[in-house]
Amino acid sequence: MLETQHDRATEPGSRRRRHGGWRRPDPFPVEPPHDTATRTDPGLGDALARLNAEQRTCVVLVHVFGWSYADVAEVIDAPVTSVRNHVHRGLRNLRQLLEGSR
C-alpha cells in the first residue's frame, strides 16, 4: 500500500511531527545575536563584500546568525549540499582575502 505524504510527514520521527508543523526560520535578523564587533578583523566587511552573493549569504547566516544548513537551504531554495559548498568556499575565500590584507 502506498503512503501519502501526509502520513509520512506526521509519523513519529518526521520533522513536521517533531516541530509541530512546517515552519520557516525567522526572517533575516537585523542584528547578530551576539556581540561580534569585538572579535572581528577590521578587514572582514571588505572581504565579505568581495564574496559572491551566495557565499556571503550562506556564510553570514550560518556563522553569524547561527542558522542550520537546512534552514538556509530552505530560504534560498537550494539543496543543503549547495549551502555547505557555498559556506566552505566562502570561508576559504575569506581566509585568503584576510591573509592577503595583512
Foldseek 3Di string as FASTA:
>chain_A
DDDDPVVVCCPDPHPCVVVVHDDAPDPDDPDFPDDCVVPDDPCQVVLLVPQPPLLSQLQCCCPRNNDDLVNSCVVVVHDSVVSVVSPVVSVVSSVVVVVVVD
